[in-house]
C-alpha cells in the first residue's frame, strides 16, 4: 500500500501531464516573484502547483483529496469506494450518523458533490 503523500505526488504528476498549459506556466515563473516572497523558486513553483491543483478540484466540485483519489484510483469503482470510506470516517469523527451526513452534505454513492458546497 502506498503512502498518502506518494499518491498525492502521483496525482500532481498526472495533473501536470494532463494540463501542459499549467506545466508551461510553472516552468516560466519569474524568479523575482519568488524572491519577493522570500521563497526559493522551487518552493514558489510547488506552491503555485498546489494552488492550480486545488483550483482544478474546486472547478470539478471536488476537494483536493478527492481529485487525488480520482487521479490515482485503479478504477472509477475504486475511486468511489475510497471516497465514500473517507466521508464515512469524517461523519464518524463529526458524531453524525451516515444518513445525517449524507443528507447534510449531499454525499452518497454516485454523488460527486463536495461537502460544504451545498447551500444551507
Foldseek 3Di string as FASTA:
>chain_A
DDDLVVLLVLLLVVVCVVCVVLVVCLVPDDQVVCVVVVHGSVVVSVVSSVVVLQVVQVVVQHGSSLSSLVSRPPDPVRSQVVVVVVLCVVCVVVVHDPVVSCVQQVDDPPDRHYRPPDDD
